[in-house]
Every structure is written in structure tokens, then in C-alpha cells.
Amino acid sequence: MAQALPHGTSRAPNQHAWRRAVRDSPALDRLRADRRATILAVADVLAFSADWTSMTTRPTWAHLATRTGRSRATIARALATLRAADLLGIVATGRSAGYGPMALGNQAEAAVYVLAQLSTLHAVPSPGDEDETPTREAGSSHPPGARVREIKTPTEPLRGQTVSAATRPTLPADQRQHPLWPGSAPARRKDERRSAAAELQRRVFPLRRTSTAWIAAATREFMLAGWTVTDMVHAIDHRPDGRAWPHDGATGIAQIGRWLAHRLRPWRDEHTTVLASPSQRATAAAVHARAVATARRTAHEQLMATRSAPDSPVAAAALADIRATLEAARAQARDRRPAT
């Protein structure tokens, strides 16, 4: 078992710890989002099929393909990636799996793996002869406590230097996955529609079961109408009234082309003309809202200007009411004065 573990690793304590180690592995940060999701799905099946005591797992490729919905070639690439990342060790492969600790009978079609993670124990330099006290580095004659005084500065606290927490390494810019076509840019030329179709195929997993050229032909009228890749993704997942399609709407569909046509049919009118895209609708609503706000502001300014004008009928009526009120108050005050 120990020989099957990659160098510098140890056997995972439990399934949860190994799944967390897989998700935190820097080797998966360089992968595309779809390939990372595939590897995580395969890792979950391996963890859930593992023996709690030995942390060995023996799922067949057919079981992995059934549980994850991926092909055998994809399963093989995912297992190779986990092995390259030192997260999976092989206890027995091929027909030798029949002699593994988890083998059942004479079944030899499945390999036996061990779940591994980076070991928390690190090798330390040899202290030399244990019978002698280790000496200092050659040529150094620092008295006790001298190194502490060299490290300390007047601005540092007495408890020692502040050690910053290790940050997760970021992926270099040249290794990040860039979109094949911007999601908010329209694509009207033929080459642009082909790139937009490839980006749509990358974002919508069921569309990977058909060709990019077919997707470009199926979405041609939408792209010529000014739709973007983000609009297409929204239209595939939602109806024009905002209701969402079922998440498992593509499960069991044999002809993915008809499925795509069915999803996009509500976005056409009775004459099969493409309707306005979600982004075009949002832009039109924003323009209308700004126009209404401008009209209201203009009407309010005109009303205030009319009221403040000296020859305004509204202002004259208001002044007449004020004068009448003052005159009535004066008359009432005169009537209350005592007679002399």
C-alpha cells in the first residue's frame, strides 16, 4: 500500500478530506471549467466507492461512465490527471487487480486505486551523530540569542515576526481560458458566427454532442438579427416570458438539433421572424425609462417656471388669496380693540 502512494503523499484520512484536497489542488486551476467539472465528478465517484478503512477504491470504468455521464476516453483522461497531480495511486492494474485487497473473485477488469493527498510531514535535515551535540554552522560563533537580536527590529512586536498566510497561487495570464468569442458582441460575418457558435458550444454542454458548423447554421438568423452568445444562452434556458426550462431538459435527447430548435422556437413570432433578443429588450427598456424620466423632469421644470412667473395666473390667484387673508386678519383685529 505504501509503495502505491506517490512520492511526498500519504493516504487520505477520509473521503471528505480527499475530495477537499482534489478541489484545492493547484493542478486543476489550469484546466478549463468543463474539464475541471469532469475531474471533480470522477473524483466524487472514486471517493464514494472507497473503503473507509484502507482508503482504496475499485470502481469499474463502466460504473464511472454511468455515474458521471462521460465516455471511457474522458474517464481515462480524468484518472490520468488525478495520478499526475499525485492525488491517486495505483495499487494494482490490469489483470493483477484480481490480487488486490478489494478484488472480488476473479474480476480483473477494474484497477485498485488508493486515495492520496499531500503529506503534512516534511523531511528535516539529518542532525548528525545523535551521541554528540549538533554544532553550529562552520565559521559562525554567535552567542546564544544573537540571531534573535538580528531578526528583531524596534518596530516589531516582542512575540516575533508576523508571518503572512500563504495565498493560493494565481493562474498566469497566458494559461487562462479565454472565450472563443466575446459574450456581449454580435457576430454577423461568417467567421464571426463560427467563433460565436464554438463559444456557445463551450458554454452549453448538450451542444457538444453536435458539430460547430451545424450550430452556426442553426443560429444564423439569430446572429444576423444582432443576438449575442449571452442572449443565446439565455434563450436556451428561458422562455420569452422569463420562465426557465427544466434543468434536465436535455437528458435522454437523441437528436440534439431538434432540441435546440424546440428551445429557440418561442423566440420567433407567428411568421417565424426572430424576436428581439434579451439584451435588445433590456436596452429598449432602459431607453424608454430614460425618456420617461426626461419627460417628467421637463414637465416639472415647466410647471415650476409657470408658477414663479410674475404674470402667471396661478401666481396672481395665490397673491390675491394672501391679500384677502391678511385683510381679514386686520379687520378682525380692529373689531377686537376696546372702544375709547
Protein backbone atom coordinates (compact mmCIF):
# COMPACT_ATOMS: atom_id res chain seq x y z
CA MET A 1 0.00 0.00 0.00
CA ALA A 2 2.79 2.45 0.91
CA GLN A 3 4.61 1.75 -2.36
CA ALA A 4 1.50 2.69 -4.34
CA LEU A 5 1.37 6.21 -2.86
CA PRO A 6 3.06 8.94 -4.92
CA HIS A 7 6.22 10.47 -3.51
CA GLY A 8 5.55 13.07 -0.82
CA THR A 9 1.96 11.97 -0.23
CA SER A 10 0.11 9.99 2.38
CA ARG A 11 -3.14 8.08 2.45
CA ALA A 12 -6.18 10.32 2.83
CA PRO A 13 -7.83 10.07 6.28
CA ASN A 14 -11.36 10.01 4.87
CA GLN A 15 -13.38 10.65 1.73
CA HIS A 16 -14.27 14.23 2.65
CA ALA A 17 -10.64 15.22 3.18
CA TRP A 18 -9.62 13.72 -0.16
CA ARG A 19 -12.42 15.48 -2.05
CA ARG A 20 -11.35 18.76 -0.46
CA ALA A 21 -7.72 18.08 -1.45
CA VAL A 22 -8.79 17.46 -5.06
CA ARG A 23 -10.76 20.73 -5.20
CA ASP A 24 -7.85 22.68 -3.68
CA SER A 25 -5.20 21.14 -5.92
CA PRO A 26 -3.30 23.79 -7.95
CA ALA A 27 -3.07 21.33 -10.85
CA LEU A 28 -6.80 21.74 -11.51
CA ASP A 29 -6.61 25.54 -11.68
CA ARG A 30 -5.03 25.41 -15.13
CA LEU A 31 -7.86 23.36 -16.62
CA ARG A 32 -10.94 24.56 -18.42
CA ALA A 33 -14.15 24.75 -16.45
CA ASP A 34 -15.72 21.76 -18.21
CA ARG A 35 -12.68 19.53 -17.77
CA ARG A 36 -12.36 20.54 -14.12
CA ALA A 37 -16.03 19.63 -13.59
CA THR A 38 -15.42 16.23 -15.20
CA ILE A 39 -12.44 15.51 -12.96
CA LEU A 40 -14.39 16.54 -9.86
CA ALA A 41 -17.28 14.28 -10.88
CA VAL A 42 -14.91 11.31 -11.36
CA ALA A 43 -13.22 12.11 -8.04
CA ASP A 44 -16.58 12.10 -6.24
CA VAL A 45 -17.41 8.65 -7.60
CA LEU A 46 -13.96 7.38 -6.58
CA ALA A 47 -14.41 8.78 -3.07
CA PHE A 48 -17.93 7.45 -2.60
CA SER A 49 -16.79 3.99 -3.77
CA ALA A 50 -13.74 3.89 -1.45
CA ASP A 51 -13.29 1.57 1.50
CA TRP A 52 -13.38 3.54 4.75
CA THR A 53 -10.59 1.52 6.35
CA SER A 54 -7.97 1.22 3.61
CA MET A 55 -8.98 4.26 1.51
CA THR A 56 -8.75 2.09 -1.59
CA THR A 57 -11.36 2.27 -4.32
CA ARG A 58 -12.19 -0.12 -7.14
CA PRO A 59 -14.96 1.23 -9.40
CA THR A 60 -15.09 -0.13 -12.93
CA TRP A 61 -14.86 2.18 -15.91
CA ALA A 62 -18.43 1.27 -16.78
CA HIS A 63 -19.54 2.37 -13.32
CA LEU A 64 -17.60 5.64 -13.62
CA ALA A 65 -19.07 6.32 -17.06
CA THR A 66 -22.60 5.58 -15.86
CA ARG A 67 -22.36 7.74 -12.75
CA THR A 68 -20.67 10.72 -14.45
CA GLY A 69 -22.24 10.52 -17.92
CA ARG A 70 -18.81 10.68 -19.61
CA SER A 71 -17.17 8.44 -22.18
CA ARG A 72 -14.43 5.91 -21.46
CA ALA A 73 -11.81 8.15 -23.08
CA THR A 74 -12.86 11.05 -20.85
CA ILE A 75 -12.71 8.78 -17.78
CA ALA A 76 -9.19 7.71 -18.77
CA ARG A 77 -8.03 11.33 -19.11
CA ALA A 78 -9.55 12.24 -15.74
CA LEU A 79 -7.82 9.32 -13.99
CA ALA A 80 -4.51 10.24 -15.64
CA THR A 81 -4.89 13.84 -14.45
CA LEU A 82 -5.55 12.73 -10.87
CA ARG A 83 -2.48 10.50 -10.99
CA ALA A 84 -0.32 13.27 -12.44
CA ALA A 85 -1.47 15.56 -9.63
CA ASP A 86 -0.33 12.95 -7.03
CA LEU A 87 -3.90 12.53 -5.81
CA LEU A 88 -4.33 8.91 -6.86
CA GLY A 89 -2.08 5.91 -6.51
CA ILE A 90 -2.39 2.54 -8.27
CA VAL A 91 -2.32 -0.50 -6.04
CA ALA A 92 -3.00 -2.97 -8.84
CA THR A 93 -3.71 -2.58 -12.55
CA GLY A 94 -4.97 -4.81 -15.32
CA ARG A 95 -5.31 -8.48 -14.50
CA SER A 96 -3.20 -8.01 -11.39
CA ALA A 97 -6.23 -6.32 -9.87
CA GLY A 98 -7.54 -9.77 -9.05
CA TYR A 99 -4.90 -9.95 -6.33
CA GLY A 100 -5.65 -6.51 -4.87
CA PRO A 101 -7.05 -6.07 -1.39
CA MET A 102 -10.50 -5.11 -2.71
CA ALA A 103 -10.77 -7.57 -5.55
CA LEU A 104 -13.91 -9.69 -5.80
CA GLY A 105 -13.39 -13.21 -7.06
CA ASN A 106 -11.55 -13.36 -10.36
CA GLN A 107 -12.72 -9.99 -11.63
CA ALA A 108 -9.74 -8.32 -13.27
CA GLU A 109 -11.29 -5.59 -15.38
CA ALA A 110 -11.01 -2.91 -12.69
CA ALA A 111 -7.89 -1.43 -11.14
CA VAL A 112 -7.42 -0.77 -7.44
CA TYR A 113 -6.57 2.83 -6.51
CA VAL A 114 -5.62 4.44 -3.23
CA LEU A 115 -6.74 7.97 -2.37
CA ALA A 116 -3.68 10.12 -1.68
CA GLN A 117 -3.10 13.67 -0.56
CA LEU A 118 -0.08 15.85 0.13
CA SER A 119 1.64 14.69 3.28
CA THR A 120 1.74 17.11 6.21
CA LEU A 121 5.09 15.65 7.38
CA HIS A 122 8.19 17.21 5.86
CA ALA A 123 11.70 15.83 5.86
CA VAL A 124 14.21 17.61 8.08
CA PRO A 125 17.99 17.71 7.68
CA SER A 126 19.91 14.96 9.40
CA PRO A 127 21.12 16.11 12.84
CA GLY A 128 24.33 14.09 12.51
CA ASP A 129 25.59 11.85 15.30
CA GLU A 130 22.89 11.51 17.95
CA ASP A 131 25.53 10.98 20.63
CA GLU A 132 27.01 14.41 20.06
CA THR A 133 25.50 17.84 20.37
CA PRO A 134 24.89 19.36 16.92
CA THR A 135 27.37 22.13 16.27
CA ARG A 136 26.65 25.44 14.63
CA GLU A 137 27.41 26.26 11.06
CA ALA A 138 31.11 26.37 10.25
CA GLY A 139 32.64 29.76 10.71
CA SER A 140 29.83 31.12 12.93
CA SER A 141 30.40 31.98 16.55
CA HIS A 142 27.21 33.77 17.54
CA PRO A 143 26.42 33.69 21.24
CA PRO A 144 23.04 32.42 22.39
CA GLY A 145 20.23 34.80 21.46
CA ALA A 146 22.33 36.69 18.89
CA ARG A 147 20.22 35.54 15.94
CA VAL A 148 17.04 36.67 17.67
CA ARG A 149 18.53 40.14 18.14
CA GLU A 150 19.48 40.25 14.45
CA ILE A 151 15.93 39.45 13.35
CA LYS A 152 14.23 41.83 15.77
CA THR A 153 13.70 45.44 14.88
CA PRO A 154 12.39 48.22 17.13
CA THR A 155 9.09 48.26 15.25
CA GLU A 156 8.42 44.51 15.57
CA PRO A 157 6.38 43.10 18.45
CA LEU A 158 8.06 41.02 21.13
CA ARG A 159 6.15 37.91 20.17
CA GLY A 160 8.13 37.58 16.90
CA GLN A 161 7.80 38.37 13.27
CA THR A 162 4.41 38.44 11.65
CA VAL A 163 4.14 35.65 9.10
CA SER A 164 1.63 36.29 6.35
CA ALA A 165 -0.73 33.49 5.43
CA ALA A 166 0.04 31.55 2.29
CA THR A 167 -2.10 32.67 -0.60
CA ARG A 168 -3.47 30.41 -3.28
CA PRO A 169 -1.34 30.65 -6.44
CA THR A 170 -2.99 32.53 -9.27
CA LEU A 171 -3.05 31.22 -12.78
CA PRO A 172 -0.74 33.04 -15.23
CA ALA A 173 -2.49 35.20 -17.79
CA ASP A 174 -1.18 33.15 -20.73
CA GLN A 175 -2.66 29.96 -19.26
CA ARG A 176 -6.17 31.24 -18.55
CA GLN A 177 -9.07 30.09 -20.66
CA HIS A 178 -10.16 32.97 -22.88
CA PRO A 179 -13.56 32.93 -24.58
CA LEU A 180 -13.63 31.94 -28.22
CA TRP A 181 -15.93 34.91 -28.90
CA PRO A 182 -17.00 37.74 -26.54
CA GLY A 183 -20.36 37.01 -24.99
CA SER A 184 -21.71 40.54 -25.46
CA ALA A 185 -20.52 41.15 -29.03
CA PRO A 186 -22.75 40.49 -32.06
CA ALA A 187 -21.46 38.19 -34.78
CA ARG A 188 -22.68 38.90 -38.31
CA ARG A 189 -19.86 37.73 -40.57
CA LYS A 190 -19.47 34.05 -41.35
CA ASP A 191 -16.21 33.64 -39.47
CA GLU A 192 -17.61 35.56 -36.51
CA ARG A 193 -20.71 33.35 -36.41
CA ARG A 194 -18.48 30.27 -36.46
CA SER A 195 -16.48 31.56 -33.47
CA ALA A 196 -19.68 32.52 -31.66
CA ALA A 197 -21.07 29.02 -32.28
CA ALA A 198 -17.93 27.48 -30.80
CA GLU A 199 -18.26 29.70 -27.72
CA LEU A 200 -21.95 28.74 -27.41
CA GLN A 201 -20.95 25.09 -27.70
CA ARG A 202 -18.40 25.60 -24.92
CA ARG A 203 -20.96 27.20 -22.59
CA VAL A 204 -23.89 24.83 -23.22
CA PHE A 205 -22.75 21.26 -22.59
CA PRO A 206 -25.52 19.42 -24.54
CA LEU A 207 -24.48 21.23 -27.73
CA ARG A 208 -21.13 19.46 -27.65
CA ARG A 209 -22.87 16.40 -28.99
CA THR A 210 -23.21 18.07 -32.39
CA SER A 211 -20.86 19.94 -34.72
CA THR A 212 -19.91 23.61 -34.52
CA ALA A 213 -20.87 24.14 -38.16
CA TRP A 214 -24.39 22.89 -37.50
CA ILE A 215 -24.78 25.22 -34.51
CA ALA A 216 -23.58 28.15 -36.64
CA ALA A 217 -26.21 27.28 -39.28
CA ALA A 218 -28.98 26.83 -36.69
CA THR A 219 -28.28 30.19 -35.04
CA ARG A 220 -27.56 32.13 -38.25
CA GLU A 221 -30.83 34.10 -38.30
CA PHE A 222 -30.45 35.00 -34.62
CA MET A 223 -26.89 36.20 -35.07
CA LEU A 224 -27.82 38.26 -38.13
CA ALA A 225 -30.59 39.87 -36.01
CA GLY A 226 -27.97 41.15 -33.57
CA TRP A 227 -28.15 38.42 -30.95
CA THR A 228 -25.08 37.67 -28.82
CA VAL A 229 -23.78 34.47 -27.26
CA THR A 230 -25.14 35.57 -23.88
CA ASP A 231 -28.55 36.10 -25.48
CA MET A 232 -28.45 32.62 -26.99
CA VAL A 233 -27.57 31.02 -23.66
CA HIS A 234 -30.45 32.88 -22.00
CA ALA A 235 -32.88 31.89 -24.77
CA ILE A 236 -31.88 28.23 -24.49
CA ASP A 237 -32.53 28.23 -20.73
CA HIS A 238 -35.56 30.58 -20.57
CA ARG A 239 -38.79 31.35 -22.40
CA PRO A 240 -39.60 34.91 -23.55
CA ASP A 241 -41.85 35.44 -20.51
CA GLY A 242 -38.94 34.69 -18.14
CA ARG A 243 -39.92 31.15 -17.18
CA ALA A 244 -37.00 28.75 -17.05
CA TRP A 245 -36.86 25.45 -18.89
CA PRO A 246 -36.27 22.31 -16.79
CA HIS A 247 -32.62 21.80 -15.96
CA ASP A 248 -32.75 18.19 -17.17
CA GLY A 249 -34.47 19.11 -20.43
CA ALA A 250 -31.61 17.66 -22.50
CA THR A 251 -31.44 14.34 -20.65
CA GLY A 252 -32.23 11.42 -22.93
CA ILE A 253 -32.48 13.57 -26.08
CA ALA A 254 -31.19 11.63 -29.07
CA GLN A 255 -31.43 14.44 -31.66
CA ILE A 256 -29.88 17.49 -30.08
CA GLY A 257 -30.64 19.59 -33.17
CA ARG A 258 -34.38 19.25 -32.70
CA TRP A 259 -33.93 20.01 -29.00
CA LEU A 260 -32.19 23.28 -29.85
CA ALA A 261 -34.84 24.20 -32.43
CA HIS A 262 -37.56 23.50 -29.85
CA ARG A 263 -35.87 25.73 -27.28
CA LEU A 264 -35.49 28.62 -29.77
CA ARG A 265 -38.98 28.32 -31.33
CA PRO A 266 -40.70 30.53 -28.67
CA TRP A 267 -38.31 33.35 -29.63
CA ARG A 268 -39.94 33.62 -33.08
CA ASP A 269 -43.28 35.19 -33.97
CA GLU A 270 -46.09 33.61 -35.98
CA HIS A 271 -44.19 34.44 -39.18
CA THR A 272 -41.01 32.70 -37.86
CA THR A 273 -39.31 36.07 -37.59
CA VAL A 274 -36.71 36.32 -34.86
CA LEU A 275 -37.86 38.44 -31.93
CA ALA A 276 -35.76 40.99 -30.11
CA SER A 277 -33.00 39.45 -28.03
CA PRO A 278 -32.94 39.73 -24.22
CA SER A 279 -30.16 42.32 -24.39
CA GLN A 280 -32.03 44.30 -27.04
CA ARG A 281 -35.14 44.22 -24.85
CA ALA A 282 -33.17 45.40 -21.85
CA THR A 283 -31.61 48.22 -23.90
CA ALA A 284 -35.02 49.32 -25.23
CA ALA A 285 -36.50 49.25 -21.71
CA ALA A 286 -33.61 51.36 -20.41
CA VAL A 287 -34.03 53.89 -23.25
CA HIS A 288 -37.77 54.10 -22.58
CA ALA A 289 -37.19 54.58 -18.86
CA ARG A 290 -34.71 57.38 -19.53
CA ALA A 291 -37.14 59.07 -21.95
CA VAL A 292 -39.97 58.91 -19.42
CA ALA A 293 -37.73 60.34 -16.69
CA THR A 294 -36.60 63.16 -19.01
CA ALA A 295 -40.21 64.00 -19.94
CA ARG A 296 -41.28 64.08 -16.30
CA ARG A 297 -38.35 66.28 -15.35
CA THR A 298 -39.09 68.70 -18.22
CA ALA A 299 -42.78 68.91 -17.30
CA HIS A 300 -41.91 69.59 -13.66
CA GLU A 301 -39.47 72.33 -14.63
CA GLN A 302 -42.06 73.93 -16.90
CA LEU A 303 -44.67 73.84 -14.13
CA MET A 304 -42.30 75.41 -11.62
CA ALA A 305 -41.35 78.12 -14.15
CA THR A 306 -45.04 78.86 -14.80
CA ARG A 307 -45.79 79.19 -11.10
CA SER A 308 -42.84 81.51 -10.45
CA ALA A 309 -43.57 83.92 -13.36
CA PRO A 310 -44.90 87.37 -12.24
CA ASP A 311 -47.75 87.37 -14.78
CA SER A 312 -48.75 83.78 -14.11
CA PRO A 313 -52.49 83.28 -13.36
CA VAL A 314 -51.55 80.79 -10.68
CA ALA A 315 -49.22 83.30 -9.03
CA ALA A 316 -51.87 86.09 -9.28
CA ALA A 317 -54.51 83.90 -7.68
CA ALA A 318 -52.13 82.95 -4.90
CA LEU A 319 -51.29 86.63 -4.22
CA ALA A 320 -54.99 87.54 -4.16
CA ASP A 321 -55.65 84.80 -1.60
CA ILE A 322 -52.79 86.04 0.55
CA ARG A 323 -54.03 89.66 0.41
CA ALA A 324 -57.58 88.60 1.28
CA THR A 325 -56.34 86.58 4.23
CA LEU A 326 -54.26 89.50 5.53
CA GLU A 327 -57.15 91.94 5.12
CA ALA A 328 -59.50 89.64 7.01
CA ALA A 329 -56.97 89.32 9.82
CA ARG A 330 -56.61 93.10 10.09
CA ALA A 331 -60.40 93.62 10.18
CA GLN A 332 -60.76 91.03 12.90
CA ALA A 333 -58.03 92.74 14.91
CA ARG A 334 -59.78 96.15 14.61
CA ASP A 335 -63.07 94.69 15.82
CA ARG A 336 -61.41 93.36 18.96
CA ARG A 337 -59.98 96.71 20.01
CA PRO A 338 -61.82 98.29 23.08
CA ALA A 339 -63.82 101.49 22.45
CA THR A 340 -62.27 104.77 23.80
